[in-house]
Protein backbone atom coordinates (compact mmCIF):
# COMPACT_ATOMS: atom_id res chain seq x y z
CA MET A 1 -11.10 12.35 22.81
CA THR A 2 -12.06 9.00 21.28
CA ASN A 3 -13.44 8.49 17.81
CA HIS A 4 -16.03 5.79 17.20
CA LYS A 5 -17.99 4.59 14.21
CA VAL A 6 -21.74 4.01 14.20
CA ASN A 7 -23.50 1.82 11.66
CA TRP A 8 -27.10 2.82 11.01
CA ARG A 9 -29.70 1.10 8.88
CA ALA A 10 -32.29 3.35 7.31
CA LYS A 11 -34.26 2.37 4.24
CA MET A 12 -32.02 -0.69 3.74
CA LYS A 13 -28.82 1.32 3.64
CA THR A 14 -26.06 1.39 6.21
CA TYR A 15 -24.79 4.81 7.26
CA ILE A 16 -21.45 5.20 9.00
CA PHE A 17 -20.64 8.27 11.06
CA ARG A 18 -17.67 9.21 13.19
CA ILE A 19 -18.51 10.01 16.79
CA GLU A 20 -16.39 12.25 18.95
CA LEU A 21 -16.61 11.04 22.52
CA GLU A 22 -15.03 12.93 25.39
CA GLU A 23 -15.15 13.00 29.17
CA GLU A 24 -15.60 16.57 30.40
CA GLU A 25 -13.35 16.87 33.44
CA GLU A 26 -14.60 20.31 34.42
CA GLU A 27 -18.19 18.98 34.30
CA ASP A 28 -17.53 16.33 36.99
CA GLY A 29 -17.08 13.38 34.64
CA VAL A 30 -19.96 14.04 32.26
CA TRP A 31 -19.44 12.36 28.89
CA THR A 32 -20.23 14.21 25.68
CA ALA A 33 -20.70 12.71 22.24
CA ALA A 34 -21.13 14.41 18.89
CA VAL A 35 -21.47 13.43 15.24
CA PRO A 36 -19.49 16.10 13.33
CA ALA A 37 -21.13 15.23 10.00
CA LEU A 38 -24.59 15.94 11.49
CA PRO A 39 -24.65 19.50 12.88
CA GLY A 40 -26.37 19.66 16.25
CA CYS A 41 -26.38 15.90 16.77
CA ASN A 42 -25.02 15.66 20.33
CA ALA A 43 -25.55 13.75 23.57
CA TRP A 44 -24.50 14.04 27.20
CA ALA A 45 -24.50 11.33 29.87
CA ASN A 46 -22.95 10.28 33.18
CA THR A 47 -21.09 7.29 31.71
CA LYS A 48 -19.34 6.48 28.44
CA GLU A 49 -21.79 3.66 27.71
CA GLU A 50 -24.81 5.92 28.30
CA ALA A 51 -23.31 8.58 26.04
CA LEU A 52 -22.77 6.02 23.25
CA THR A 53 -26.33 4.74 23.58
CA ALA A 54 -27.73 8.28 23.59
CA ILE A 55 -25.75 9.39 20.53
CA GLN A 56 -26.85 6.27 18.63
CA GLU A 57 -30.49 7.07 19.41
CA ASN A 58 -30.02 10.73 18.49
CA THR A 59 -28.25 9.80 15.25
CA LYS A 60 -31.08 7.46 14.27
CA ALA A 61 -33.68 10.17 14.96
CA TYR A 62 -31.63 12.73 13.02
CA ILE A 63 -31.36 10.45 9.97
CA GLU A 64 -35.05 9.53 10.13
CA THR A 65 -35.92 13.24 10.14
CA LEU A 66 -33.68 13.90 7.13
CA ILE A 67 -35.36 11.03 5.25
CA GLU A 68 -38.87 12.20 6.20
CA ASP A 69 -38.03 15.75 5.07
CA GLY A 70 -36.52 14.51 1.80
CA LEU A 71 -33.12 15.98 2.65
CA PRO A 72 -29.78 14.41 1.71
CA ILE A 73 -27.93 12.36 4.30
CA PRO A 74 -24.29 13.41 4.63
CA GLU A 75 -21.73 10.69 4.06
CA GLU A 76 -18.67 10.37 6.25
CA LYS A 77 -15.55 10.50 4.10
CA ASP A 78 -12.89 9.74 6.71
CA HIS A 79 -13.20 6.58 8.80
CA HIS A 80 -9.68 6.84 10.21
CA ASN A 81 -9.33 6.08 13.94
CA CYS A 82 -12.86 4.67 14.22
CA ILE A 83 -14.18 1.56 15.89
CA SER A 84 -17.48 -0.25 15.41
CA ILE A 85 -20.12 0.02 18.07
């Protein structure tokens, strides 16, 4: 499993979330990505790059929905073992 960091701009603020990225060997090389701080924010793809792109898009949509609904946006507390995308 690889941890990544995503920077997201929403309403002039940058949000940073850890992404868990993993290749599923039993699923014939399908890549999965998840943002633990955002329950249900996941993505699946055939390549690592596609999974990273998909999780970025899903994270943006998730945050936009939270903002539209007036809900708080969780903040990632631990950025250990993360890289910028």
